[in-house]
Amino acid sequence: RDVTYEGLFYDYCFDTGAAKECQKLFCPSYSYAVSNDPISMQPQYYLSVGLNSGIADFQRKKLNLVVVLDFSGSMGSPFDEYYDRFGNKVEQNGDESSMSKTKMQIADESVVALLDHLKPEDRFGLVIFSDDAFLVDPLTGVADKDPERLKSRILNIKETYGTNMEAGMEKGTALFDRFLQADKSEYENRIIFLTDAMPNMGETGDLPLFRMLEDNADQGIYTTFIGIGVDFNTELVESITKIKGANYYSVHSASEFKTRMDDEFDFMVTPLVFDLRLKLDAPGYEIEKVYGSPEADQATGELMKVNTLFPSKAENGQVKGGVILVKLKKLSNQGNMRLKVSYQDRNGVQDSDEAEVDMAEENADFYQNSGIRKAVLLSLYADLLKNWMIDERKAADNGWKIVPSVTLANGIVVPIELGEWERQSLPLAVSEPYPELFGRFSGYFQSEAQVLGDSTLEQEEEILKKLEGFAGPTSN
């Protein structure tokens, strides 16, 4: 039903193509590729922006942290199934101990695990909400708390009744009243909002929850949304990430929850830079599409903008989700590009960086490194899925035979995104010629995954195989 480029990229690690060690807070690196479209076999041109941080020994600020936890009735359902990005129920596999637990139990345990990452000088508070909101623990210093008693209280939270997110956010926000004047160079203010429901932000950003998040950001209180067993749709993701300092994650298993709330906690709660802008001066090219940037819809021919960039875990020279991909339309053989990036650090200080890239005349398929190769593969995969979903929706709405956007002549085109009202769930349908297109692309995807040597790409291969062989109702 829906897929986001940002969410897809964040599932994978990328070689960012950094030629030298980063000595600043943020150092973009640039790589290019010329790649044949696997359907049309026409050459496509790409530039990747590697998101490198100079924080070698990553240290977050002290934290004023409030967890706002959903304990509505639906949290009592098991974590052994969830609805994927297409609205299909997915059965989970895992160790029996975690599979038999409810979302509420896993959430309680994950909040307890989070406590172990807090330092004595941090402050912690906890609010729970169902149809109303309740204070479990005030925002006070970790050193002043009884950790075992607090953990016991959290583990005893049981689900009940309905869902009122505004009430939860309002009570969570109120806990910061005493600390709004705290030194922002020393303390980070953050709410972690955990829910298994889809928050209603409203297309125009005029709903109470959205307004609350914006007002909080203006006061230096930032928000992390974690969807428990629910994939947030594109519209919601874009609404959240347009708010300064906000981020979102979806977790579908106990192990994913543990990774997010435990192993990657410091990265999740610490913005790296704000208001990141990239200007491209390339007479020979224009930007056709930006992938992996939440504000990509605002990218004009020469500008891309990321409201808030968070640091990512780096392992073996690769950065998790550490790339933004730019698809370029070639206008002439002039391959020289100048890129200027500007941003604001966590303390409001402006910084900038300039670089030149010479896109030498290369024949397809050429990739400067494995990072851009993986990014190109995933962008094509997402574009194919999005085109299919849009085409099925149009055919169903109009009662006509599907008119494929992806053709042998045009290849995998950049999809024209759906509006919010058009994103409602449909019964799964894979109309002709998409089974054949999925099959053709699946072979390409498999061979690229082998070259890249990334076994985690197999989860996308499984989706392609299911769609290729799907024998349900069609909209023809």
Protein backbone atom coordinates (compact mmCIF):
# COMPACT_ATOMS: atom_id res chain seq x y z
CA ARG A 1 0.00 0.00 0.00
CA ASP A 2 2.82 2.39 0.75
CA VAL A 3 6.60 2.51 0.83
CA THR A 4 9.00 5.29 1.80
CA TYR A 5 12.48 5.74 0.39
CA GLU A 6 13.76 6.95 3.77
CA GLY A 7 12.44 3.90 5.64
CA LEU A 8 13.85 1.57 2.99
CA PHE A 9 17.30 3.19 3.02
CA TYR A 10 17.43 3.15 6.82
CA ASP A 11 17.12 -0.66 6.78
CA TYR A 12 20.52 -0.94 5.06
CA CYS A 13 24.17 0.00 5.54
CA PHE A 14 26.02 1.94 2.82
CA ASP A 15 29.60 2.63 1.87
CA THR A 16 29.44 6.44 1.74
CA GLY A 17 32.46 6.83 -0.53
CA ALA A 18 34.33 8.99 1.98
CA ALA A 19 37.90 9.44 0.69
CA LYS A 20 39.27 10.96 3.89
CA GLU A 21 38.44 11.08 7.56
CA CYS A 22 35.78 13.62 8.51
CA GLN A 23 37.16 16.31 10.84
CA LYS A 24 33.95 18.37 11.09
CA LEU A 25 30.53 17.69 12.56
CA PHE A 26 29.20 16.78 9.12
CA CYS A 27 31.17 15.95 5.96
CA PRO A 28 29.23 14.93 2.86
CA SER A 29 31.01 12.73 0.32
CA TYR A 30 29.94 12.39 -3.29
CA SER A 31 29.91 9.44 -5.69
CA TYR A 32 28.37 8.95 -9.12
CA ALA A 33 27.04 6.13 -11.23
CA VAL A 34 25.80 5.45 -14.75
CA SER A 35 23.36 2.56 -14.63
CA ASN A 36 21.14 0.98 -17.27
CA ASP A 37 17.47 0.84 -16.35
CA PRO A 38 16.81 -2.94 -15.98
CA ILE A 39 13.53 -2.71 -17.95
CA SER A 40 14.29 -0.22 -20.78
CA MET A 41 18.10 -0.71 -20.73
CA GLN A 42 18.50 3.07 -21.15
CA PRO A 43 21.38 4.73 -19.24
CA GLN A 44 20.43 6.61 -16.05
CA TYR A 45 22.68 9.04 -14.17
CA TYR A 46 23.01 9.22 -10.39
CA LEU A 47 24.86 11.16 -7.72
CA SER A 48 24.99 9.99 -4.10
CA VAL A 49 25.57 12.12 -1.03
CA GLY A 50 27.29 10.14 1.74
CA LEU A 51 26.25 11.29 5.20
CA ASN A 52 29.47 11.19 7.23
CA SER A 53 29.90 12.49 10.73
CA GLY A 54 33.15 13.58 12.37
CA ILE A 55 31.92 12.35 15.74
CA ALA A 56 34.46 9.55 16.12
CA ASP A 57 33.67 8.96 19.78
CA PHE A 58 29.95 9.72 19.71
CA GLN A 59 28.78 11.61 22.79
CA ARG A 60 25.22 12.79 23.20
CA LYS A 61 24.25 15.74 25.37
CA LYS A 62 22.63 15.33 28.77
CA LEU A 63 19.01 14.41 28.29
CA ASN A 64 15.65 15.58 29.59
CA LEU A 65 13.66 12.58 28.35
CA VAL A 66 9.94 11.92 28.63
CA VAL A 67 8.52 8.62 27.35
CA VAL A 68 4.84 8.81 26.35
CA LEU A 69 3.56 5.23 26.16
CA ASP A 70 0.31 3.99 24.59
CA PHE A 71 -1.46 1.50 26.87
CA SER A 72 -4.71 1.28 24.89
CA GLY A 73 -6.50 -2.05 24.44
CA SER A 74 -4.87 -2.89 21.09
CA MET A 75 -1.47 -3.03 22.84
CA GLY A 76 -2.67 -6.32 24.32
CA SER A 77 -2.42 -8.05 20.93
CA PRO A 78 0.59 -10.29 20.23
CA PHE A 79 3.74 -9.18 18.42
CA ASP A 80 3.71 -12.31 16.25
CA GLU A 81 1.91 -10.51 13.44
CA TYR A 82 1.78 -7.04 11.95
CA TYR A 83 0.53 -5.25 8.85
CA ASP A 84 3.20 -4.51 6.27
CA ARG A 85 3.54 -1.51 3.97
CA PHE A 86 0.89 -3.02 1.66
CA GLY A 87 -1.66 -3.59 4.43
CA ASN A 88 -1.07 -7.37 4.45
CA LYS A 89 -0.98 -9.33 7.66
CA VAL A 90 2.55 -10.71 8.17
CA GLU A 91 3.23 -13.63 10.50
CA GLN A 92 6.41 -13.17 12.51
CA ASN A 93 9.05 -15.78 13.20
CA GLY A 94 11.26 -15.57 16.25
CA ASP A 95 12.05 -17.15 19.58
CA GLU A 96 8.93 -18.43 21.30
CA SER A 97 9.45 -16.36 24.44
CA SER A 98 9.17 -13.06 22.57
CA MET A 99 6.50 -14.25 20.11
CA SER A 100 4.13 -15.16 22.95
CA LYS A 101 4.39 -11.68 24.48
CA THR A 102 2.03 -8.81 23.78
CA LYS A 103 3.07 -5.47 22.29
CA MET A 104 2.48 -3.99 25.75
CA GLN A 105 4.90 -6.43 27.42
CA ILE A 106 7.58 -5.84 24.77
CA ALA A 107 7.11 -2.06 25.03
CA ASP A 108 7.40 -2.20 28.84
CA GLU A 109 10.59 -4.26 28.60
CA SER A 110 12.06 -1.92 25.97
CA VAL A 111 11.45 1.17 28.13
CA VAL A 112 13.15 -0.63 31.02
CA ALA A 113 16.13 -1.42 28.74
CA LEU A 114 16.26 2.25 27.74
CA LEU A 115 16.71 3.25 31.41
CA ASP A 116 20.11 1.54 31.43
CA HIS A 117 21.34 4.08 28.84
CA LEU A 118 20.52 7.05 31.03
CA LYS A 119 23.29 8.70 33.03
CA PRO A 120 22.94 10.06 36.58
CA GLU A 121 22.85 13.64 35.26
CA ASP A 122 20.00 12.84 32.80
CA ARG A 123 16.36 13.40 33.72
CA PHE A 124 13.55 10.93 32.97
CA GLY A 125 9.75 11.05 33.12
CA LEU A 126 6.99 8.67 32.01
CA VAL A 127 3.41 9.33 30.87
CA ILE A 128 0.96 6.65 29.73
CA PHE A 129 -2.21 7.23 27.74
CA SER A 130 -5.33 5.38 26.63
CA ASP A 131 -8.53 7.44 26.43
CA ASP A 132 -6.89 9.77 28.96
CA ALA A 133 -3.28 10.41 30.07
CA PHE A 134 -1.67 9.55 33.41
CA LEU A 135 1.64 10.48 35.02
CA VAL A 136 3.64 7.42 36.06
CA ASP A 137 6.92 9.15 36.92
CA PRO A 138 7.78 12.89 36.99
CA LEU A 139 10.67 14.40 35.01
CA THR A 140 13.42 14.33 37.64
CA GLY A 141 17.09 13.42 37.81
CA VAL A 142 17.98 9.77 37.21
CA ALA A 143 20.34 9.95 40.20
CA ASP A 144 17.33 10.74 42.43
CA LYS A 145 15.22 7.78 41.32
CA ASP A 146 14.92 4.25 42.69
CA PRO A 147 15.71 2.35 39.45
CA GLU A 148 14.44 -1.05 40.57
CA ARG A 149 11.15 0.38 41.83
CA LEU A 150 10.71 2.37 38.61
CA LYS A 151 11.44 -0.69 36.44
CA SER A 152 8.94 -2.72 38.42
CA ARG A 153 6.23 -0.07 37.93
CA ILE A 154 6.89 0.04 34.18
CA LEU A 155 6.77 -3.75 33.79
CA ASN A 156 3.37 -3.76 35.55
CA ILE A 157 1.72 -1.39 33.03
CA LYS A 158 -1.22 -3.24 31.45
CA GLU A 159 -3.28 -2.26 28.41
CA THR A 160 -6.80 -0.79 28.69
CA TYR A 161 -9.53 1.13 26.76
CA GLY A 162 -9.13 3.57 23.85
CA THR A 163 -6.51 5.90 22.34
CA ASN A 164 -6.17 9.66 22.90
CA MET A 165 -2.76 10.68 21.58
CA GLU A 166 -3.31 14.39 22.13
CA ALA A 167 -3.90 13.80 25.85
CA GLY A 168 -0.65 11.80 26.07
CA MET A 169 1.39 14.40 24.20
CA GLU A 170 -0.10 17.27 26.23
CA LYS A 171 0.72 15.69 29.58
CA GLY A 172 4.19 14.68 28.38
CA THR A 173 4.89 18.21 27.17
CA ALA A 174 3.79 19.73 30.47
CA LEU A 175 6.61 17.89 32.28
CA PHE A 176 9.17 20.13 30.55
CA ASP A 177 7.73 23.39 31.93
CA ARG A 178 10.38 23.64 34.66
CA PHE A 179 13.26 22.95 32.28
CA LEU A 180 12.60 25.17 29.26
CA GLN A 181 15.28 27.60 30.40
CA ALA A 182 17.91 24.86 30.73
CA ASP A 183 21.16 25.42 28.81
CA LYS A 184 20.44 23.93 25.34
CA SER A 185 24.14 23.49 24.64
CA GLU A 186 24.22 21.15 27.64
CA TYR A 187 20.76 19.52 27.63
CA GLU A 188 18.64 17.94 24.88
CA ASN A 189 14.86 17.84 25.43
CA ARG A 190 13.07 14.87 23.82
CA ILE A 191 9.77 13.01 23.93
CA ILE A 192 9.73 9.39 22.77
CA PHE A 193 6.15 8.62 21.73
CA LEU A 194 5.32 4.91 21.48
CA THR A 195 2.05 3.79 19.88
CA ASP A 196 0.57 0.95 17.82
CA ALA A 197 -1.91 3.32 16.15
CA MET A 198 -1.49 5.62 13.15
CA PRO A 199 -1.27 9.20 14.48
CA ASN A 200 -3.62 11.59 12.67
CA MET A 201 -1.57 14.62 11.64
CA GLY A 202 -3.87 16.04 8.99
CA GLU A 203 -2.78 16.95 5.47
CA THR A 204 -2.65 20.67 6.24
CA GLY A 205 -0.94 20.30 9.62
CA ASP A 206 -3.93 21.90 11.35
CA LEU A 207 -4.74 19.12 13.81
CA PRO A 208 -3.96 19.46 17.53
CA LEU A 209 -1.23 16.79 17.62
CA PHE A 210 0.70 18.35 14.71
CA ARG A 211 0.40 21.83 16.21
CA MET A 212 1.64 20.52 19.56
CA LEU A 213 4.73 18.99 17.93
CA GLU A 214 5.52 22.23 16.09
CA ASP A 215 5.04 24.34 19.23
CA ASN A 216 7.28 21.94 21.15
CA ALA A 217 10.01 22.14 18.49
CA ASP A 218 9.91 25.94 18.69
CA GLN A 219 10.66 25.58 22.41
CA GLY A 220 13.46 23.05 21.83
CA ILE A 221 11.44 19.93 22.75
CA TYR A 222 11.89 17.36 19.98
CA THR A 223 9.89 14.20 19.31
CA THR A 224 10.66 10.63 18.28
CA PHE A 225 7.70 8.53 17.08
CA ILE A 226 7.96 4.76 17.28
CA GLY A 227 5.22 2.77 15.54
CA ILE A 228 4.76 -0.59 17.25
CA GLY A 229 3.78 -3.18 14.65
CA VAL A 230 2.50 -0.50 12.28
CA ASP A 231 4.14 0.94 9.17
CA PHE A 232 3.53 4.70 9.08
CA ASN A 233 2.37 5.82 5.64
CA THR A 234 4.26 8.30 3.49
CA GLU A 235 1.96 11.21 4.30
CA LEU A 236 2.48 10.74 8.03
CA VAL A 237 6.24 10.26 7.72
CA GLU A 238 6.50 13.48 5.73
CA SER A 239 4.39 15.34 8.31
CA ILE A 240 6.60 14.16 11.16
CA THR A 241 9.94 14.78 9.48
CA LYS A 242 9.00 18.31 8.43
CA ILE A 243 9.00 19.21 12.11
CA LYS A 244 12.40 20.32 13.42
CA GLY A 245 14.21 17.66 15.45
CA ALA A 246 11.56 14.97 14.85
CA ASN A 247 12.15 11.43 13.64
CA TYR A 248 10.18 8.20 13.36
CA TYR A 249 10.76 4.45 13.32
CA SER A 250 8.56 1.41 12.86
CA VAL A 251 9.35 -1.79 14.76
CA HIS A 252 7.83 -5.17 13.95
CA SER A 253 9.50 -7.54 16.38
CA ALA A 254 10.89 -7.76 19.87
CA SER A 255 14.46 -7.84 18.52
CA GLU A 256 13.86 -4.75 16.34
CA PHE A 257 12.39 -2.96 19.34
CA LYS A 258 15.42 -3.84 21.45
CA THR A 259 17.83 -2.60 18.76
CA ARG A 260 16.01 0.71 18.42
CA MET A 261 15.41 1.43 22.12
CA ASP A 262 18.58 -0.15 23.45
CA ASP A 263 21.53 -0.54 21.06
CA GLU A 264 20.86 2.58 18.94
CA PHE A 265 19.34 4.76 21.64
CA ASP A 266 21.97 7.53 21.64
CA PHE A 267 21.70 7.99 17.85
CA MET A 268 17.91 8.16 18.00
CA VAL A 269 17.76 11.00 20.54
CA THR A 270 20.55 13.24 19.18
CA PRO A 271 20.06 15.46 16.12
CA LEU A 272 23.35 15.94 14.26
CA VAL A 273 22.54 19.02 12.16
CA PHE A 274 19.49 21.14 11.31
CA ASP A 275 18.33 22.85 8.12
CA LEU A 276 20.71 20.98 5.84
CA ARG A 277 20.63 22.41 2.32
CA LEU A 278 22.46 21.15 -0.73
CA LYS A 279 22.83 23.34 -3.78
CA LEU A 280 23.88 21.73 -7.04
CA ASP A 281 25.45 23.81 -9.78
CA ALA A 282 25.65 21.47 -12.76
CA PRO A 283 25.10 23.00 -16.19
CA GLY A 284 25.10 19.56 -17.78
CA TYR A 285 22.43 18.05 -15.49
CA GLU A 286 19.25 18.79 -13.59
CA ILE A 287 17.78 16.99 -10.56
CA GLU A 288 15.02 14.59 -11.54
CA LYS A 289 14.40 12.99 -8.13
CA VAL A 290 15.92 12.92 -4.63
CA TYR A 291 15.74 9.62 -2.71
CA GLY A 292 16.26 9.22 1.04
CA SER A 293 15.52 12.84 1.96
CA PRO A 294 12.22 13.34 3.83
CA GLU A 295 11.89 16.79 2.27
CA ALA A 296 12.53 15.50 -1.25
CA ASP A 297 9.18 16.84 -2.41
CA GLN A 298 10.58 20.32 -1.85
CA ALA A 299 13.67 19.67 -3.95
CA THR A 300 13.60 22.06 -6.86
CA GLY A 301 15.91 21.62 -9.84
CA GLU A 302 18.88 22.76 -7.77
CA LEU A 303 18.11 22.40 -4.09
CA MET A 304 17.45 19.67 -1.59
CA LYS A 305 16.61 20.23 2.04
CA VAL A 306 16.72 18.00 5.11
CA ASN A 307 15.12 19.52 8.20
CA THR A 308 16.98 17.37 10.71
CA LEU A 309 19.78 14.89 10.15
CA PHE A 310 20.48 12.31 12.85
CA PRO A 311 23.80 10.48 13.22
CA SER A 312 23.83 6.84 12.20
CA LYS A 313 25.69 3.83 13.45
CA ALA A 314 28.86 3.14 11.46
CA GLU A 315 30.12 -0.43 11.16
CA ASN A 316 33.04 -1.71 9.07
CA GLY A 317 33.23 1.57 7.14
CA GLN A 318 29.52 1.51 6.29
CA VAL A 319 26.85 3.84 7.70
CA LYS A 320 23.29 2.70 8.41
CA GLY A 321 20.94 4.67 6.16
CA GLY A 322 23.91 6.90 5.42
CA VAL A 323 23.15 7.99 1.88
CA ILE A 324 20.90 10.29 -0.13
CA LEU A 325 20.59 9.47 -3.83
CA VAL A 326 19.98 12.04 -6.57
CA LYS A 327 18.71 10.93 -9.98
CA LEU A 328 19.99 13.29 -12.66
CA LYS A 329 18.68 14.16 -16.07
CA LYS A 330 21.54 14.64 -18.53
CA LEU A 331 21.29 17.85 -20.54
CA SER A 332 24.77 17.96 -22.12
CA ASN A 333 28.24 16.38 -21.92
CA GLN A 334 29.43 18.99 -19.41
CA GLY A 335 30.20 16.66 -16.49
CA ASN A 336 31.59 19.13 -13.94
CA MET A 337 29.40 19.79 -10.89
CA ARG A 338 29.86 22.07 -7.89
CA LEU A 339 28.03 21.19 -4.70
CA LYS A 340 27.61 23.45 -1.71
CA VAL A 341 26.15 22.21 1.54
CA SER A 342 25.13 24.44 4.44
CA TYR A 343 23.72 23.51 7.81
CA GLN A 344 23.22 24.59 11.40
CA ASP A 345 24.76 22.60 14.23
CA ARG A 346 22.96 21.62 17.45
CA ASN A 347 23.95 24.94 19.06
CA GLY A 348 22.66 27.07 16.20
CA VAL A 349 26.08 27.72 14.60
CA GLN A 350 26.09 27.86 10.77
CA ASP A 351 28.65 25.85 8.80
CA SER A 352 29.14 25.00 5.15
CA ASP A 353 31.20 22.84 2.82
CA GLU A 354 31.94 22.90 -0.92
CA ALA A 355 33.08 20.18 -3.29
CA GLU A 356 33.55 19.54 -7.00
CA VAL A 357 32.55 16.34 -8.76
CA ASP A 358 33.61 15.58 -12.30
CA MET A 359 31.18 13.08 -13.77
CA ALA A 360 33.57 11.63 -16.31
CA GLU A 361 32.14 10.04 -19.44
CA GLU A 362 31.49 6.47 -18.33
CA ASN A 363 29.50 3.75 -20.00
CA ALA A 364 26.78 1.88 -18.12
CA ASP A 365 27.05 0.07 -15.82
CA PHE A 366 29.52 2.13 -13.79
CA TYR A 367 29.40 2.61 -10.02
CA GLN A 368 32.06 4.45 -8.03
CA ASN A 369 31.44 2.21 -5.01
CA SER A 370 29.07 -0.37 -3.56
CA GLY A 371 27.15 2.29 -1.61
CA ILE A 372 25.77 4.06 -4.65
CA ARG A 373 25.16 0.70 -6.36
CA LYS A 374 22.97 -0.44 -3.44
CA ALA A 375 21.17 2.93 -3.31
CA VAL A 376 20.39 2.76 -7.05
CA LEU A 377 19.07 -0.81 -6.67
CA LEU A 378 16.79 0.13 -3.75
CA SER A 379 15.54 3.30 -5.45
CA LEU A 380 14.55 1.32 -8.57
CA TYR A 381 12.86 -1.28 -6.37
CA ALA A 382 10.86 1.40 -4.52
CA ASP A 383 9.98 3.21 -7.77
CA LEU A 384 8.67 -0.03 -9.29
CA LEU A 385 6.52 -0.76 -6.21
CA LYS A 386 5.19 2.80 -6.08
CA ASN A 387 4.30 2.82 -9.80
CA TRP A 388 2.48 -0.49 -9.42
CA MET A 389 0.49 0.74 -6.40
CA ILE A 390 -0.44 4.01 -8.12
CA ASP A 391 -1.49 2.21 -11.32
CA GLU A 392 -3.63 -0.31 -9.40
CA ARG A 393 -5.27 2.52 -7.47
CA LYS A 394 -6.10 4.49 -10.64
CA ALA A 395 -7.54 1.40 -12.35
CA ALA A 396 -9.67 0.49 -9.31
CA ASP A 397 -10.95 4.06 -8.85
CA ASN A 398 -11.92 4.45 -12.49
CA GLY A 399 -13.09 0.91 -13.19
CA TRP A 400 -10.80 0.53 -16.15
CA LYS A 401 -8.01 -1.78 -17.23
CA ILE A 402 -4.63 -0.93 -15.73
CA VAL A 403 -2.43 1.45 -17.74
CA PRO A 404 1.15 0.65 -16.63
CA SER A 405 3.50 3.54 -15.93
CA VAL A 406 6.42 1.11 -16.24
CA THR A 407 6.94 -0.03 -19.83
CA LEU A 408 9.70 -1.64 -21.88
CA ALA A 409 10.20 1.67 -23.69
CA ASN A 410 10.22 4.03 -20.68
CA GLY A 411 11.57 1.68 -18.01
CA ILE A 412 11.04 2.38 -14.31
CA VAL A 413 9.94 6.02 -14.33
CA VAL A 414 9.90 8.31 -11.30
CA PRO A 415 6.40 7.80 -9.83
CA ILE A 416 3.90 10.64 -9.49
CA GLU A 417 2.97 10.40 -5.80
CA LEU A 418 -0.59 9.87 -4.58
CA GLY A 419 -2.43 12.37 -2.44
CA GLU A 420 -3.42 11.42 1.12
CA TRP A 421 -7.02 10.55 0.24
CA GLU A 422 -5.81 8.19 -2.48
CA ARG A 423 -3.68 6.15 -0.08
CA GLN A 424 -6.48 4.10 1.50
CA SER A 425 -5.97 0.32 1.55
CA LEU A 426 -7.07 -1.77 -1.41
CA PRO A 427 -7.33 -5.55 -1.70
CA LEU A 428 -4.01 -6.76 -3.08
CA ALA A 429 -4.06 -6.97 -6.87
CA VAL A 430 -1.20 -7.57 -9.31
CA SER A 431 -2.57 -6.84 -12.76
CA GLU A 432 -0.84 -7.51 -16.08
CA PRO A 433 1.85 -6.64 -17.05
CA TYR A 434 3.18 -6.27 -13.49
CA PRO A 435 3.72 -10.00 -12.74
CA GLU A 436 6.09 -10.11 -15.73
CA LEU A 437 7.72 -6.80 -14.72
CA PHE A 438 8.24 -8.03 -11.16
CA GLY A 439 9.73 -11.25 -12.53
CA ARG A 440 12.10 -9.39 -14.83
CA PHE A 441 13.15 -7.00 -12.07
CA SER A 442 13.48 -9.85 -9.55
CA GLY A 443 16.22 -11.45 -11.69
CA TYR A 444 18.08 -8.14 -11.87
CA PHE A 445 17.64 -7.56 -8.13
CA GLN A 446 18.97 -11.02 -7.29
CA SER A 447 22.10 -10.65 -9.44
CA GLU A 448 22.82 -7.17 -7.99
CA ALA A 449 22.34 -8.45 -4.43
CA GLN A 450 24.88 -11.20 -5.13
CA VAL A 451 27.42 -8.66 -6.43
CA LEU A 452 26.83 -6.49 -3.37
CA GLY A 453 27.13 -9.47 -1.03
CA ASP A 454 24.35 -8.19 1.24
CA SER A 455 22.18 -11.07 2.47
CA THR A 456 19.72 -8.66 4.14
CA LEU A 457 18.44 -7.74 0.66
CA GLU A 458 16.74 -11.15 0.60
CA GLN A 459 13.71 -9.67 2.41
CA GLU A 460 13.00 -7.50 -0.65
CA GLU A 461 13.59 -10.46 -2.99
CA GLU A 462 10.86 -12.35 -1.09
CA ILE A 463 8.39 -9.51 -1.66
CA LEU A 464 9.19 -9.44 -5.39
CA LYS A 465 8.68 -13.22 -5.68
CA LYS A 466 5.32 -13.00 -3.88
CA LEU A 467 4.14 -10.21 -6.17
CA GLU A 468 5.35 -12.03 -9.29
CA GLY A 469 3.45 -15.16 -8.33
CA PHE A 470 0.38 -13.51 -6.79
CA ALA A 471 -2.78 -15.19 -8.09
CA GLY A 472 -5.47 -13.15 -6.35
CA PRO A 473 -8.15 -10.93 -7.85
CA THR A 474 -7.07 -8.37 -10.43
CA SER A 475 -8.54 -5.01 -11.36
CA ASN A 476 -8.85 -5.96 -15.02
